[in-house]
Protein backbone atom coordinates (compact mmCIF):
# COMPACT_ATOMS: atom_id res chain seq x y z
CA MET A 1 33.18 39.35 114.15
CA GLY A 2 36.37 37.52 113.33
CA GLU A 3 37.10 35.34 110.36
CA ILE A 4 36.66 31.61 110.09
CA LYS A 5 40.14 30.16 109.85
CA ALA A 6 40.96 26.92 108.08
CA GLU A 7 42.34 25.62 111.40
CA TYR A 8 38.87 25.92 112.94
CA VAL A 9 37.21 24.00 110.12
CA ASN A 10 40.02 21.43 110.19
CA ALA A 11 39.39 20.74 113.89
CA PHE A 12 35.84 19.57 113.07
CA ILE A 13 37.06 17.52 110.10
CA MET A 14 39.83 15.90 112.15
CA ALA A 15 37.48 15.12 115.04
CA SER A 16 34.87 13.60 112.70
CA HIS A 17 37.47 11.56 110.83
CA SER A 18 39.01 10.29 114.06
CA LEU A 19 35.73 9.30 115.73
CA LEU A 20 34.30 7.64 112.60
CA THR A 21 37.51 5.62 112.34
CA GLN A 22 37.58 4.66 116.03
CA MET A 23 33.90 4.20 116.89
CA CYS A 24 32.73 2.77 113.58
CA MET A 25 35.92 0.95 112.63
CA ILE A 26 36.01 2.54 109.20
CA PRO A 27 39.62 2.11 108.06
CA GLU A 28 39.65 4.54 105.14
CA ILE A 29 37.81 7.84 104.95
CA LYS A 30 38.38 10.39 102.20
CA VAL A 31 37.76 14.07 102.88
CA GLY A 32 35.84 15.60 99.99
CA LYS A 33 36.00 19.13 98.67
CA PRO A 34 34.44 21.77 100.97
CA THR A 35 31.59 23.76 99.43
CA LEU A 36 29.25 26.55 100.51
CA LYS A 37 25.59 25.53 100.59
CA GLU A 38 22.29 26.30 102.25
CA ALA A 39 21.08 24.19 105.18
CA LYS A 40 18.55 22.29 103.08
CA PHE A 41 18.70 18.51 102.92
CA PRO A 42 16.99 15.95 100.68
CA ASP A 43 14.34 13.39 101.56
CA ASP A 44 15.31 10.48 103.80
CA THR A 45 18.01 12.39 105.68
CA SER A 46 19.09 12.19 109.30
CA VAL A 47 20.74 15.26 110.84
CA ILE A 48 22.51 15.64 114.18
CA ILE A 49 22.62 19.32 115.19
CA VAL A 50 24.97 20.62 117.88
CA GLY A 51 25.04 24.28 118.89
CA LEU A 52 28.24 26.16 119.71
CA THR A 53 28.83 29.10 122.03
CA GLY A 54 32.00 30.80 123.15
CA ASP A 55 34.81 32.01 120.88
CA ILE A 56 33.03 30.32 117.95
CA MET A 57 29.24 30.45 117.75
CA GLY A 58 26.81 28.70 115.47
CA HIS A 59 25.82 25.15 114.62
CA VAL A 60 27.43 21.99 113.38
CA MET A 61 25.19 19.58 111.51
CA LEU A 62 26.22 16.01 110.76
CA VAL A 63 24.13 14.94 107.78
CA PHE A 64 23.51 11.30 106.88
CA PRO A 65 21.33 9.78 104.18
CA HIS A 66 19.17 7.29 106.12
CA ALA A 67 21.03 4.33 104.57
CA VAL A 68 24.36 5.75 105.77
CA ALA A 69 22.90 6.52 109.22
CA LEU A 70 21.78 2.87 109.47
CA ASP A 71 25.24 1.71 108.38
CA ILE A 72 26.94 3.92 111.00
CA ILE A 73 24.50 2.80 113.71
CA SER A 74 25.06 -0.85 112.76
CA LYS A 75 28.82 -0.37 112.99
CA MET A 76 28.52 1.38 116.38
CA THR A 77 26.18 -1.20 117.91
CA MET A 78 27.88 -4.14 116.18
CA MET A 79 24.54 -5.51 115.04
CA PRO A 80 22.56 -5.02 111.84
CA MET A 81 19.98 -2.27 112.07
CA THR A 82 17.10 -1.98 109.62
CA GLU A 83 15.37 1.03 111.14
CA ILE A 84 16.42 4.10 113.07
CA ASP A 85 14.84 3.40 116.45
CA ASP A 86 15.52 4.90 119.89
CA LEU A 87 18.76 2.89 120.24
CA GLY A 88 19.92 4.12 116.84
CA ILE A 89 19.04 7.73 117.60
CA SER A 90 20.90 7.47 120.90
CA ALA A 91 23.97 5.93 119.24
CA ILE A 92 24.23 8.39 116.36
CA SER A 93 23.51 11.36 118.67
CA GLU A 94 26.29 10.21 120.99
CA LEU A 95 28.63 10.01 118.00
CA GLY A 96 27.80 13.66 117.30
CA ASN A 97 28.42 14.52 120.94
CA MET A 98 31.81 12.77 120.93
CA ILE A 99 32.84 14.45 117.66
CA MET A 100 32.00 17.89 119.04
CA GLY A 101 33.77 17.15 122.34
CA ASN A 102 36.86 16.08 120.42
CA ALA A 103 36.69 19.19 118.21
CA SER A 104 36.35 21.33 121.35
CA THR A 105 39.52 19.76 122.74
CA LEU A 106 41.40 20.33 119.47
CA LEU A 107 40.28 23.97 119.37
CA SER A 108 41.29 24.55 122.99
CA GLY A 109 44.83 23.67 121.91
CA GLN A 110 44.57 26.74 119.64
CA ASN A 111 43.29 28.86 122.56
CA VAL A 112 39.78 28.83 121.08
CA LEU A 113 37.21 27.96 123.73
CA ILE A 114 33.75 26.67 122.87
CA ASP A 115 30.87 25.08 124.71
CA ILE A 116 28.55 22.66 122.97
CA THR A 117 24.84 21.99 123.38
CA PRO A 118 23.45 18.47 123.65
CA PRO A 119 22.95 16.93 120.20
CA ASN A 120 19.51 17.04 118.59
CA TYR A 121 18.40 14.40 116.10
CA CYS A 122 16.19 15.47 113.19
CA SER A 123 14.78 13.34 110.43
CA GLY A 124 12.30 13.81 107.67
CA ASN A 125 11.68 14.80 104.14
CA SER A 126 13.14 17.98 102.67
CA LEU A 127 14.67 19.26 105.92
CA SER A 128 15.50 22.95 105.96
CA PHE A 129 16.95 25.00 108.79
CA SER A 130 16.06 28.68 108.65
CA GLY A 131 18.48 31.23 109.95
CA ALA A 132 21.45 28.97 109.40
CA GLY A 133 22.47 30.81 106.23
CA LYS A 134 25.32 29.38 104.21
CA ASN A 135 27.23 26.43 105.58
CA ILE A 136 30.66 25.08 104.86
CA ALA A 137 29.82 21.51 103.85
CA VAL A 138 32.55 18.86 103.90
CA PRO A 139 31.79 15.28 102.84
CA LEU A 140 33.61 12.37 104.49
CA VAL A 141 33.37 9.45 102.06
CA TYR A 142 33.95 5.80 102.93
CA GLU A 143 33.43 2.41 101.31
CA GLY A 144 33.23 3.95 97.86
CA ASP A 145 30.03 5.98 97.91
CA LYS A 146 28.84 6.30 101.51
CA ALA A 147 29.19 9.81 102.88
CA VAL A 148 28.69 11.71 106.10
CA GLU A 149 28.54 15.44 105.48
CA ILE A 150 29.73 17.94 108.08
CA ASN A 151 27.89 21.27 107.76
CA LEU A 152 29.46 24.17 109.66
CA GLU A 153 27.56 27.39 110.23
CA LEU A 154 30.09 29.33 112.28
CA LYS A 155 30.73 32.87 113.48
CA VAL A 156 33.88 33.90 115.31
CA LYS A 157 33.66 36.48 118.12
């Protein structure tokens, strides 16, 4: 197994930042400090999981407190949303799909080829993903205290 390079992590951060700015019209996003953490998430959390195969294998999880997920969905659909319904799940899942597609393109420029699985939406109380091990978690903070967290569980061939 190879080592996870900062350039690989940065591709996911750049793709997330770019798509949140473009699709959700969020003008200012601050990248928080990366940390290592387990794939356990608090109550009232929405998670988009996308699998990776190829030169990098593993999972990318986009983690949203429900209030932030509703805010992102409202921005994407350009209408206020008060619950995460089928339209909301579709919108936020597609955001995850676009982020991973963009990251894939950025990585291909570094001669790193990956394929992505369709996004899966999970929601619930005290979510935990076994087998994921430690993740590199990077918060993307906007509008003061709203945050989308990128969790990267990656292995390099």
